[in-house]
Amino acid sequence: QVQLVESGGGLVQTGGSLRLSCRSTEKIYGLNTMGWYRQTPGKEREAVALQTNGGAQSYARSVQGRFTVIRTDAADENRVDLQMDRLNPEDTAVYYCYAIAGLSKYWGQGTQVTVST
């Protein structure tokens, strides 16, 4: 079964940058959208940055201009990175990689991003 494996979370100071990476353990056939969500305690998971097969990107308003989603579809895997710049404490959350193919949804295990003041 396909799994999404994430890496790159950690602790960074306000104004700093981090890059999250996510790769699938095998190619996801019928993949449509791939990207990132995030969640903080007591809140619903929110979409941060997504990219469709056609290259259309969407970003949460709070991250526009600071985050960039980079998607790569290879012969044997699908990959999506999230470049996060000018981070602030409100970006602190667990970030989840996400992919949808038809009726199938896939989630990564989550990676913690903490932005200190």
C-alpha atoms as a PDB file:
ATOM      1  CA  GLN A   1       0.000   0.000   0.000  1.00  0.00           C
ATOM      2  CA  VAL A   2       1.232   3.446  -0.867  1.00  0.00           C
ATOM      3  CA  GLN A   3       2.644   5.490   1.989  1.00  0.00           C
ATOM      4  CA  LEU A   4       3.742   9.106   2.143  1.00  0.00           C
ATOM      5  CA  VAL A   5       7.043   9.680   3.932  1.00  0.00           C
ATOM      6  CA  GLU A   6       7.806  13.153   5.231  1.00  0.00           C
ATOM      7  CA  SER A   7      11.002  14.825   6.365  1.00  0.00           C
ATOM      8  CA  GLY A   8      12.352  18.260   7.155  1.00  0.00           C
ATOM      9  CA  GLY A   9      10.432  19.556  10.152  1.00  0.00           C
ATOM     10  CA  GLY A  10      12.091  21.134  13.149  1.00  0.00           C
ATOM     11  CA  LEU A  11      12.662  24.277  15.173  1.00  0.00           C
ATOM     12  CA  VAL A  12      13.416  27.613  13.544  1.00  0.00           C
ATOM     13  CA  GLN A  13      13.459  31.232  14.654  1.00  0.00           C
ATOM     14  CA  THR A  14      11.004  33.836  13.440  1.00  0.00           C
ATOM     15  CA  GLY A  15      11.976  34.994   9.979  1.00  0.00           C
ATOM     16  CA  GLY A  16      13.786  31.788   9.168  1.00  0.00           C
ATOM     17  CA  SER A  17      13.165  29.134   6.523  1.00  0.00           C
ATOM     18  CA  LEU A  18      12.465  25.414   6.414  1.00  0.00           C
ATOM     19  CA  ARG A  19      11.868  22.978   3.602  1.00  0.00           C
ATOM     20  CA  LEU A  20       9.584  19.990   4.049  1.00  0.00           C
ATOM     21  CA  SER A  21       9.799  17.000   1.732  1.00  0.00           C
ATOM     22  CA  CYS A  22       7.363  14.204   1.059  1.00  0.00           C
ATOM     23  CA  ARG A  23       7.725  11.231  -1.231  1.00  0.00           C
ATOM     24  CA  SER A  24       5.472   8.309  -1.962  1.00  0.00           C
ATOM     25  CA  THR A  25       6.821   4.789  -1.429  1.00  0.00           C
ATOM     26  CA  GLU A  26       5.617   3.928  -4.938  1.00  0.00           C
ATOM     27  CA  LYS A  27       4.051   5.776  -7.821  1.00  0.00           C
ATOM     28  CA  ILE A  28       0.460   6.809  -7.141  1.00  0.00           C
ATOM     29  CA  TYR A  29      -1.617   5.949 -10.188  1.00  0.00           C
ATOM     30  CA  GLY A  30      -4.466   8.300 -10.928  1.00  0.00           C
ATOM     31  CA  LEU A  31      -2.929  10.983  -8.748  1.00  0.00           C
ATOM     32  CA  ASN A  32      -4.748  14.295  -8.963  1.00  0.00           C
ATOM     33  CA  THR A  33      -3.738  16.702  -6.209  1.00  0.00           C
ATOM     34  CA  MET A  34      -0.750  16.595  -3.898  1.00  0.00           C
ATOM     35  CA  GLY A  35       0.350  19.031  -1.244  1.00  0.00           C
ATOM     36  CA  TRP A  36       0.384  19.971   2.409  1.00  0.00           C
ATOM     37  CA  TYR A  37      -2.025  20.500   5.288  1.00  0.00           C
ATOM     38  CA  ARG A  38      -1.288  21.592   8.834  1.00  0.00           C
ATOM     39  CA  GLN A  39      -2.969  21.268  12.202  1.00  0.00           C
ATOM     40  CA  THR A  40      -2.612  22.864  15.626  1.00  0.00           C
ATOM     41  CA  PRO A  41      -4.164  21.550  18.852  1.00  0.00           C
ATOM     42  CA  GLY A  42      -7.886  22.182  19.078  1.00  0.00           C
ATOM     43  CA  LYS A  43      -8.201  23.269  15.455  1.00  0.00           C
ATOM     44  CA  GLU A  44      -9.234  21.538  12.263  1.00  0.00           C
ATOM     45  CA  ARG A  45      -6.636  20.493   9.748  1.00  0.00           C
ATOM     46  CA  GLU A  46      -6.268  23.202   7.113  1.00  0.00           C
ATOM     47  CA  ALA A  47      -4.949  23.140   3.573  1.00  0.00           C
ATOM     48  CA  VAL A  48      -1.697  25.058   3.268  1.00  0.00           C
ATOM     49  CA  ALA A  49      -0.486  24.494  -0.295  1.00  0.00           C
ATOM     50  CA  LEU A  50      -1.747  22.168  -3.016  1.00  0.00           C
ATOM     51  CA  GLN A  51      -0.876  21.474  -6.635  1.00  0.00           C
ATOM     52  CA  THR A  52      -3.024  19.671  -9.190  1.00  0.00           C
ATOM     53  CA  ASN A  53      -1.911  17.557 -12.135  1.00  0.00           C
ATOM     54  CA  GLY A  54      -2.398  20.540 -14.378  1.00  0.00           C
ATOM     55  CA  GLY A  55       0.024  22.599 -12.326  1.00  0.00           C
ATOM     56  CA  ALA A  56      -2.568  24.801 -10.661  1.00  0.00           C
ATOM     57  CA  GLN A  57      -1.450  25.835  -7.209  1.00  0.00           C
ATOM     58  CA  SER A  58      -3.505  27.039  -4.287  1.00  0.00           C
ATOM     59  CA  TYR A  59      -2.293  28.508  -1.021  1.00  0.00           C
ATOM     60  CA  ALA A  60      -3.844  29.429   2.287  1.00  0.00           C
ATOM     61  CA  ARG A  61      -4.136  33.203   2.495  1.00  0.00           C
ATOM     62  CA  SER A  62      -1.885  33.292   5.550  1.00  0.00           C
ATOM     63  CA  VAL A  63       1.055  31.746   3.658  1.00  0.00           C
ATOM     64  CA  GLN A  64       0.735  33.352   0.233  1.00  0.00           C
ATOM     65  CA  GLY A  65       4.005  34.915  -0.845  1.00  0.00           C
ATOM     66  CA  ARG A  66       5.964  33.044   1.825  1.00  0.00           C
ATOM     67  CA  PHE A  67       5.422  29.347   1.025  1.00  0.00           C
ATOM     68  CA  THR A  68       6.032  27.554  -2.253  1.00  0.00           C
ATOM     69  CA  VAL A  69       4.849  24.074  -3.173  1.00  0.00           C
ATOM     70  CA  ILE A  70       7.072  22.089  -5.542  1.00  0.00           C
ATOM     71  CA  ARG A  71       5.713  18.875  -6.993  1.00  0.00           C
ATOM     72  CA  THR A  72       7.671  16.274  -8.965  1.00  0.00           C
ATOM     73  CA  ASP A  73       6.139  13.200 -10.570  1.00  0.00           C
ATOM     74  CA  ALA A  74       8.746  10.590 -11.468  1.00  0.00           C
ATOM     75  CA  ALA A  75       8.426   7.150 -13.001  1.00  0.00           C
ATOM     76  CA  ASP A  76       8.574   5.381  -9.644  1.00  0.00           C
ATOM     77  CA  GLU A  77       7.429   7.952  -7.105  1.00  0.00           C
ATOM     78  CA  ASN A  78       5.594  11.185  -6.522  1.00  0.00           C
ATOM     79  CA  ARG A  79       7.189  13.930  -4.492  1.00  0.00           C
ATOM     80  CA  VAL A  80       6.045  17.245  -3.084  1.00  0.00           C
ATOM     81  CA  ASP A  81       8.169  19.749  -1.187  1.00  0.00           C
ATOM     82  CA  LEU A  82       7.104  22.803   0.746  1.00  0.00           C
ATOM     83  CA  GLN A  83       9.551  25.690   0.878  1.00  0.00           C
ATOM     84  CA  MET A  84       8.635  27.896   3.830  1.00  0.00           C
ATOM     85  CA  ASP A  85      10.196  31.343   4.123  1.00  0.00           C
ATOM     86  CA  ARG A  86       9.721  34.236   6.549  1.00  0.00           C
ATOM     87  CA  LEU A  87       8.256  31.891   9.114  1.00  0.00           C
ATOM     88  CA  ASN A  88       6.404  33.270  12.110  1.00  0.00           C
ATOM     89  CA  PRO A  89       5.060  31.685  15.319  1.00  0.00           C
ATOM     90  CA  GLU A  90       1.582  31.332  13.770  1.00  0.00           C
ATOM     91  CA  ASP A  91       3.092  28.791  11.378  1.00  0.00           C
ATOM     92  CA  THR A  92       3.827  26.429  14.271  1.00  0.00           C
ATOM     93  CA  ALA A  93       1.896  23.220  13.603  1.00  0.00           C
ATOM     94  CA  VAL A  94       2.117  19.603  12.592  1.00  0.00           C
ATOM     95  CA  TYR A  95       2.388  19.518   8.812  1.00  0.00           C
ATOM     96  CA  TYR A  96       0.905  16.623   6.860  1.00  0.00           C
ATOM     97  CA  CYS A  97       1.631  15.565   3.326  1.00  0.00           C
ATOM     98  CA  TYR A  98      -1.517  14.797   1.353  1.00  0.00           C
ATOM     99  CA  ALA A  99      -2.380  13.147  -1.939  1.00  0.00           C
ATOM    100  CA  ILE A 100      -5.663  12.247  -3.595  1.00  0.00           C
ATOM    101  CA  ALA A 101      -6.160   9.829  -6.460  1.00  0.00           C
ATOM    102  CA  GLY A 102      -9.775   9.245  -7.426  1.00  0.00           C
ATOM    103  CA  LEU A 103     -11.572   8.223  -4.249  1.00  0.00           C
ATOM    104  CA  SER A 104      -8.342   7.358  -2.422  1.00  0.00           C
ATOM    105  CA  LYS A 105      -6.767   9.822  -0.025  1.00  0.00           C
ATOM    106  CA  TYR A 106      -3.295   9.432   1.433  1.00  0.00           C
ATOM    107  CA  TRP A 107      -1.749  11.165   4.436  1.00  0.00           C
ATOM    108  CA  GLY A 108       1.764  11.321   5.771  1.00  0.00           C
ATOM    109  CA  GLN A 109       2.527  10.706   9.418  1.00  0.00           C
ATOM    110  CA  GLY A 110       3.004  14.407  10.139  1.00  0.00           C
ATOM    111  CA  THR A 111       6.096  16.439  10.904  1.00  0.00           C
ATOM    112  CA  GLN A 112       6.341  19.113  13.589  1.00  0.00           C
ATOM    113  CA  VAL A 113       7.321  22.651  12.679  1.00  0.00           C
ATOM    114  CA  THR A 114       7.971  25.014  15.562  1.00  0.00           C
ATOM    115  CA  VAL A 115       8.756  28.691  15.057  1.00  0.00           C
ATOM    116  CA  SER A 116      10.196  30.457  18.080  1.00  0.00           C
ATOM    117  CA  THR A 117       9.980  34.178  18.815  1.00  0.00           C
END
